[in-house]
Every structure is written in C-alpha cells, then in structure tokens.
Amino acid sequence: MRIRKLIKDMTPDSVLQIRKWRNAHGVFPRIFRPVTFSEKVLHRNLFERRDEFKQIADKAAVRSYVERRLGAEILPKLYHLTGDPGTIPFDELPPRFVVKPTHGSGWVRVVTDKSTLDRAALIATCADWLKRNYYKESREIVYKDLEPRILVEEFIDDGNGATPNDYKLFVFGGSVEYIQADLNRFDHHKQLLYSPAWKKLDVRYVGDDISGEVERPPHLREMIEAAEMLGRDWDFIRADFYDTAGRLYFGEITLTPNEGCVRFRPQEFDDYLGSLWKVHERTDR
C-alpha cells in the first residue's frame, strides 16, 4: 500500500485525471478539443485556472461570494468555524446541525439528535478530515491550497426525513439547463433529472434507478433565478440548493462535478450538454 501511495504521489495530476476518466468512460478523452460535457469537466481540471476557484471551492469562503450576489438571508446559519474541532461549542448548538470540512467534497456529518451524539467520535472524525488533503486524493485543481477548517451550520428541515432534498442546478452561460434532484443521500440514494419547468427527463446516470417522482420544489422560480445569478460570469457551474415551505437555502457551488466521470444514458445528453458549454479551445499543443 505504501508503494502504491508513493507511486500515486509521484504521478502527475494530468496522468491520474485522464486515467480515471478513461476508466469511467471506456475511451480516451479529446483533451485539447473537448466535445462532451464530461470531457469539458476534465478540460477544466487540466487547463482552466481562475482566481475565484479557491473561494468557490472553500465551503466557508463561498458564503461571502453568495452573500454579495444573493444576500445573506439565503445562507444557512453559521454556528462555528474553526481549525480545532475541540473548540466546537456543543452545549450551545441546537438539537440538530451539520458538520463538514471546508476543504473537501462529500465529507459531512448530519446530527439529527444531539442528545445521542458521541462528541468524542465526531471530534475524532473532524480531526481526521483536517489531516487529509482532498486535492491530493482527487487531484481536482479547485481544491488545491484550501485552508482546512471545520464548519458547523444549520440543519435544513424540508420535511423529507434525516436529510433534505438536494437540488443541483446545472448552469451554462448563466442559464439553467437541467436540475438534478438528490433524495435520501445516506440511505437508498436516488438521483432524478428535471427540466427547469419541472418536467422529468428521460435521462439517467448509468446505474441509477429513475423510478418515481419528486414534487416540484416550492421556490423553484426563485431557485432558478438564484442559480443564474451565481453563474452569470461562468461558462459552467453547478449551484446547489435546499428548499423548504418557508424559504430557499444555498448549499454549495461545484465547478468540476464528479470530475466528469459520471456517464449519461443516453450518451447524446452528454453531447448536448457539451454543446452548451462554450469552452475556449487550446491552440498551444
């Protein structure tokens, strides 16, 4: 295992990214002149550099970016931000809250009953997150050089159980083209795709069960407007939200979703999304 890790650490980012993409899709990507959406996500990882990457990818820093564009009221309450999980003020926190690191993706702990929480175990989990370098694990450029911190914020209750529905809006050139609704993230996770008019699309990610329906979110129009405001200066972003009967909440912004390694069925949808993403072609090859 140590030898494998050493080899991985010595392998250039581009080689690892291209290899991972090829393993997912079964073909080599068109690196310099990408066509599909998946290829263009990889292209961003390999070549695109913007000063805003660091702020957008940081789960705490992005809050000020969102506040400038949408106002502070759309943000979940921030209870605590620290580089030392031992300082989390558990006694002052509400019965339910969410804990996650600022420098990675997919690492999260949802606390739905503080009275049964093993505080020492959660502190240990947070300490482990802080030791890990998500950039070195994923090689996604947007996570490079982020400051590791722990963020404790409001639990959003939309009435759907332990986790709220997560609405991921894919924004191309400032226009929302489709919405991914994620249900039951930690238990029988399901992803369904919808148009901005909330018509279920006959499209899926390979391996997904697309049976069933998701009710139209109560603030769909406001959600689309918010996503388009966040994406107005970008060729592509994915803006995530939670929605309740009372109000809309911001979740996060993603710049390289799944590193482009998720396959669509039908494949033509990947081609279609790629046509919407106007990437500058490289000519220095």
Protein backbone atom coordinates (compact mmCIF):
# COMPACT_ATOMS: atom_id res chain seq x y z
CA MET A 1 0.00 0.00 0.00
CA ARG A 2 2.84 2.40 0.82
CA ILE A 3 4.44 1.73 -2.57
CA ARG A 4 1.13 2.37 -4.34
CA LYS A 5 0.68 5.62 -2.46
CA LEU A 6 4.23 6.68 -3.27
CA ILE A 7 3.69 5.96 -6.96
CA LYS A 8 0.42 7.89 -6.94
CA ASP A 9 2.04 10.86 -5.18
CA MET A 10 4.78 10.94 -7.82
CA THR A 11 2.40 10.62 -10.78
CA PRO A 12 1.46 13.94 -12.46
CA ASP A 13 -2.08 15.18 -11.85
CA SER A 14 -2.93 15.11 -15.54
CA VAL A 15 -2.00 11.45 -15.89
CA LEU A 16 -4.14 10.42 -12.93
CA GLN A 17 -7.10 12.50 -14.08
CA ILE A 18 -7.01 11.18 -17.64
CA ARG A 19 -6.61 7.61 -16.43
CA LYS A 20 -9.57 7.94 -14.06
CA TRP A 21 -11.73 9.50 -16.78
CA ARG A 22 -10.83 6.75 -19.26
CA ASN A 23 -11.62 4.03 -16.71
CA ALA A 24 -15.07 5.58 -16.19
CA HIS A 25 -15.94 6.10 -19.87
CA GLY A 26 -14.03 3.30 -21.57
CA VAL A 27 -12.46 5.60 -24.16
CA PHE A 28 -9.73 8.23 -24.22
CA PRO A 29 -10.97 11.84 -23.91
CA ARG A 30 -10.49 14.52 -26.51
CA ILE A 31 -8.25 16.51 -24.21
CA PHE A 32 -7.44 19.58 -26.28
CA ARG A 33 -10.72 19.90 -28.17
CA PRO A 34 -13.36 18.56 -25.78
CA VAL A 35 -16.86 17.95 -27.11
CA THR A 36 -18.96 16.33 -24.41
CA PHE A 37 -19.84 17.78 -21.01
CA SER A 38 -17.75 15.08 -19.33
CA GLU A 39 -14.73 15.96 -21.45
CA LYS A 40 -15.14 19.63 -20.64
CA VAL A 41 -15.18 18.95 -16.90
CA LEU A 42 -11.86 17.15 -17.39
CA HIS A 43 -10.61 20.02 -19.55
CA ARG A 44 -11.33 22.47 -16.73
CA ASN A 45 -9.42 20.25 -14.31
CA LEU A 46 -6.45 20.07 -16.62
CA PHE A 47 -6.20 23.58 -18.00
CA GLU A 48 -8.53 26.19 -16.53
CA ARG A 49 -7.27 28.46 -13.77
CA ARG A 50 -9.28 31.28 -12.21
CA ASP A 51 -8.62 33.33 -9.10
CA GLU A 52 -12.18 32.57 -7.92
CA PHE A 53 -11.59 28.81 -7.77
CA LYS A 54 -10.22 28.96 -4.25
CA GLN A 55 -13.14 30.97 -2.88
CA ILE A 56 -15.81 28.97 -4.68
CA ALA A 57 -14.47 25.58 -3.56
CA ASP A 58 -13.98 26.58 0.09
CA LYS A 59 -17.22 25.77 1.95
CA ALA A 60 -16.79 28.78 4.25
CA ALA A 61 -15.30 31.34 1.85
CA VAL A 62 -18.04 30.77 -0.72
CA ARG A 63 -20.55 32.22 1.73
CA SER A 64 -19.26 35.76 1.13
CA TYR A 65 -19.39 35.19 -2.64
CA VAL A 66 -23.04 34.13 -2.37
CA GLU A 67 -23.89 36.94 0.03
CA ARG A 68 -22.61 39.56 -2.41
CA ARG A 69 -24.80 38.19 -5.21
CA LEU A 70 -27.89 36.94 -3.42
CA GLY A 71 -27.90 38.42 0.08
CA ALA A 72 -27.17 36.82 3.45
CA GLU A 73 -30.72 35.57 4.00
CA ILE A 74 -30.27 32.63 1.60
CA LEU A 75 -27.36 31.21 3.63
CA PRO A 76 -27.84 28.58 6.36
CA LYS A 77 -26.88 29.88 9.81
CA LEU A 78 -23.20 29.50 10.57
CA TYR A 79 -22.75 28.31 14.16
CA HIS A 80 -19.00 27.76 14.30
CA LEU A 81 -15.88 27.82 12.11
CA THR A 82 -12.59 26.52 13.45
CA GLY A 83 -9.30 24.81 12.77
CA ASP A 84 -9.60 22.97 16.07
CA PRO A 85 -12.62 20.63 16.39
CA GLY A 86 -12.07 20.52 20.12
CA THR A 87 -13.50 24.05 20.27
CA ILE A 88 -16.91 23.09 18.82
CA PRO A 89 -19.40 24.53 21.38
CA PHE A 90 -21.70 21.51 21.58
CA ASP A 91 -23.64 22.82 24.57
CA GLU A 92 -24.56 25.97 22.65
CA LEU A 93 -25.65 24.19 19.48
CA PRO A 94 -29.29 23.36 18.68
CA PRO A 95 -30.51 19.73 18.76
CA ARG A 96 -29.81 19.34 15.02
CA PHE A 97 -26.88 20.66 12.99
CA VAL A 98 -24.44 19.79 10.19
CA VAL A 99 -20.67 19.43 10.44
CA LYS A 100 -18.32 19.39 7.44
CA PRO A 101 -14.79 20.41 6.46
CA THR A 102 -14.25 23.43 4.27
CA HIS A 103 -11.59 21.90 2.02
CA GLY A 104 -13.19 18.77 0.54
CA SER A 105 -16.27 17.25 -1.03
CA GLY A 106 -18.59 14.52 0.24
CA TRP A 107 -17.32 14.66 3.80
CA VAL A 108 -20.23 15.57 6.08
CA ARG A 109 -21.87 14.55 9.34
CA VAL A 110 -25.54 15.33 9.86
CA VAL A 111 -26.51 15.38 13.54
CA THR A 112 -30.25 14.90 13.99
CA ASP A 113 -30.26 14.33 17.76
CA LYS A 114 -27.53 16.00 19.82
CA SER A 115 -28.58 14.13 22.96
CA THR A 116 -27.34 10.83 21.49
CA LEU A 117 -24.21 12.24 19.87
CA ASP A 118 -20.82 10.72 20.66
CA ARG A 119 -18.96 14.01 20.82
CA ALA A 120 -15.51 12.46 21.10
CA ALA A 121 -16.12 10.35 17.98
CA LEU A 122 -17.26 13.39 16.00
CA ILE A 123 -14.23 15.38 17.12
CA ALA A 124 -12.01 12.49 16.00
CA THR A 125 -13.73 12.40 12.62
CA CYS A 126 -13.19 16.13 12.21
CA ALA A 127 -9.54 15.78 13.20
CA ASP A 128 -9.12 13.10 10.54
CA TRP A 129 -10.71 15.38 7.91
CA LEU A 130 -8.28 18.14 8.82
CA LYS A 131 -5.30 15.84 8.31
CA ARG A 132 -6.43 14.83 4.84
CA ASN A 133 -5.64 16.74 1.66
CA TYR A 134 -8.62 16.42 -0.65
CA TYR A 135 -6.66 17.82 -3.57
CA LYS A 136 -4.06 15.07 -3.28
CA GLU A 137 -6.84 12.47 -3.11
CA SER A 138 -8.90 13.73 -6.07
CA ARG A 139 -6.39 15.90 -7.97
CA GLU A 140 -9.19 18.40 -8.64
CA ILE A 141 -7.43 21.71 -9.12
CA VAL A 142 -10.22 23.72 -7.49
CA TYR A 143 -9.36 22.17 -4.11
CA LYS A 144 -5.67 22.98 -4.21
CA ASP A 145 -4.25 25.08 -1.35
CA LEU A 146 -7.51 25.38 0.60
CA GLU A 147 -7.20 26.01 4.33
CA PRO A 148 -8.56 23.01 6.28
CA ARG A 149 -11.25 24.11 8.75
CA ILE A 150 -14.39 22.69 10.29
CA LEU A 151 -17.73 24.36 9.64
CA VAL A 152 -20.83 23.83 11.80
CA GLU A 153 -24.04 25.13 10.30
CA GLU A 154 -27.82 24.96 10.42
CA PHE A 155 -29.68 21.74 9.67
CA ILE A 156 -32.25 22.37 6.93
CA ASP A 157 -35.53 20.57 7.54
CA ASP A 158 -37.76 20.28 4.47
CA GLY A 159 -39.91 17.51 5.95
CA ASN A 160 -38.26 14.72 3.94
CA GLY A 161 -36.52 12.94 6.80
CA ALA A 162 -32.95 12.87 8.05
CA THR A 163 -31.62 14.80 5.06
CA PRO A 164 -33.36 17.39 2.88
CA ASN A 165 -33.76 17.00 -0.86
CA ASP A 166 -30.75 18.49 -2.60
CA TYR A 167 -31.43 20.38 -5.85
CA LYS A 168 -28.39 20.72 -8.13
CA LEU A 169 -28.87 23.23 -10.94
CA PHE A 170 -26.56 22.96 -13.96
CA VAL A 171 -25.93 26.48 -15.24
CA PHE A 172 -24.36 27.11 -18.66
CA GLY A 173 -23.51 30.69 -19.60
CA GLY A 174 -25.87 32.00 -16.92
CA SER A 175 -28.82 29.80 -17.93
CA VAL A 176 -30.15 26.77 -16.00
CA GLU A 177 -30.49 23.83 -18.38
CA TYR A 178 -31.43 20.98 -16.05
CA ILE A 179 -31.87 20.15 -12.39
CA GLN A 180 -30.68 17.06 -10.55
CA ALA A 181 -32.80 16.19 -7.51
CA ASP A 182 -30.94 14.11 -4.94
CA LEU A 183 -33.06 12.20 -2.41
CA ASN A 184 -32.04 10.24 0.70
CA ARG A 185 -28.36 10.97 0.34
CA PHE A 186 -27.23 8.49 3.01
CA ASP A 187 -29.91 5.82 2.64
CA HIS A 188 -31.13 4.49 -0.73
CA HIS A 189 -29.74 7.50 -2.55
CA LYS A 190 -31.64 8.38 -5.72
CA GLN A 191 -30.98 10.99 -8.42
CA LEU A 192 -33.68 12.17 -10.83
CA LEU A 193 -33.24 14.76 -13.58
CA TYR A 194 -35.74 17.51 -14.40
CA SER A 195 -36.10 20.39 -16.83
CA PRO A 196 -36.31 23.96 -15.44
CA ALA A 197 -40.11 23.67 -15.96
CA TRP A 198 -40.01 20.61 -13.66
CA LYS A 199 -40.66 18.01 -16.32
CA LYS A 200 -38.93 14.73 -15.56
CA LEU A 201 -36.27 13.94 -18.16
CA ASP A 202 -35.85 10.52 -19.70
CA VAL A 203 -32.17 10.68 -18.82
CA ARG A 204 -30.20 8.95 -16.12
CA TYR A 205 -26.72 8.36 -14.88
CA VAL A 206 -25.54 4.82 -15.62
CA GLY A 207 -26.65 2.52 -12.84
CA ASP A 208 -29.27 4.86 -11.39
CA ASP A 209 -32.88 3.92 -10.63
CA ILE A 210 -35.04 6.70 -12.06
CA SER A 211 -38.41 5.36 -10.94
CA GLY A 212 -40.75 7.65 -9.04
CA GLU A 213 -41.20 11.39 -8.98
CA VAL A 214 -40.08 14.36 -6.90
CA GLU A 215 -42.58 17.05 -6.03
CA ARG A 216 -41.92 20.43 -7.58
CA PRO A 217 -39.89 22.45 -5.03
CA PRO A 218 -41.95 25.31 -3.56
CA HIS A 219 -39.48 28.03 -4.60
CA LEU A 220 -38.42 26.67 -7.99
CA ARG A 221 -38.58 30.01 -9.78
CA GLU A 222 -36.52 31.74 -7.10
CA MET A 223 -34.07 28.84 -7.12
CA ILE A 224 -33.51 29.14 -10.86
CA GLU A 225 -33.06 32.91 -10.61
CA ALA A 226 -30.54 32.48 -7.78
CA ALA A 227 -28.56 29.85 -9.69
CA GLU A 228 -28.44 32.03 -12.80
CA MET A 229 -27.25 34.99 -10.74
CA LEU A 230 -24.42 32.89 -9.30
CA GLY A 231 -23.49 31.56 -12.74
CA ARG A 232 -23.76 34.73 -14.79
CA ASP A 233 -19.97 35.16 -15.15
CA TRP A 234 -19.18 31.50 -15.73
CA ASP A 235 -19.31 29.24 -18.77
CA PHE A 236 -20.46 26.50 -16.39
CA ILE A 237 -21.18 25.99 -12.70
CA ARG A 238 -23.46 23.72 -10.69
CA ALA A 239 -25.34 25.57 -7.96
CA ASP A 240 -26.95 23.51 -5.18
CA PHE A 241 -29.91 24.49 -3.01
CA TYR A 242 -32.28 23.18 -0.35
CA ASP A 243 -35.93 24.24 -0.35
CA THR A 244 -38.50 24.33 2.43
CA ALA A 245 -42.08 25.55 2.64
CA GLY A 246 -40.85 28.78 4.18
CA ARG A 247 -37.72 29.64 2.23
CA LEU A 248 -34.85 28.70 -0.04
CA TYR A 249 -31.33 27.89 1.19
CA PHE A 250 -27.98 27.85 -0.61
CA GLY A 251 -25.99 24.62 -0.45
CA GLU A 252 -22.75 24.91 -2.43
CA ILE A 253 -21.23 25.63 -5.83
CA THR A 254 -19.46 22.86 -7.72
CA LEU A 255 -17.08 23.54 -10.60
CA THR A 256 -15.97 20.02 -11.56
CA PRO A 257 -18.87 17.68 -10.71
CA ASN A 258 -17.73 14.07 -10.26
CA GLU A 259 -14.56 15.02 -12.17
CA GLY A 260 -16.52 14.33 -15.36
CA CYS A 261 -16.52 10.60 -14.58
CA VAL A 262 -20.29 10.05 -14.46
CA ARG A 263 -21.81 8.55 -17.62
CA PHE A 264 -25.18 9.59 -19.03
CA ARG A 265 -27.77 7.42 -20.67
CA PRO A 266 -28.47 8.23 -23.41
CA GLN A 267 -24.96 9.32 -24.35
CA GLU A 268 -26.46 12.04 -26.57
CA PHE A 269 -27.33 14.03 -23.44
CA ASP A 270 -23.62 14.30 -22.62
CA ASP A 271 -23.08 15.58 -26.15
CA TYR A 272 -25.95 18.06 -25.82
CA LEU A 273 -24.65 19.50 -22.55
CA GLY A 274 -21.21 19.76 -24.08
CA SER A 275 -22.63 21.93 -26.85
CA LEU A 276 -23.94 24.36 -24.23
CA TRP A 277 -20.59 24.76 -22.52
CA LYS A 278 -18.58 27.24 -24.57
CA VAL A 279 -15.00 26.38 -23.59
CA HIS A 280 -12.08 28.24 -25.13
CA GLU A 281 -10.16 25.74 -27.24
CA ARG A 282 -6.42 25.41 -26.64
CA THR A 283 -4.18 26.00 -29.62
CA ASP A 284 -0.79 25.57 -27.90
CA ARG A 285 -0.45 21.84 -28.44
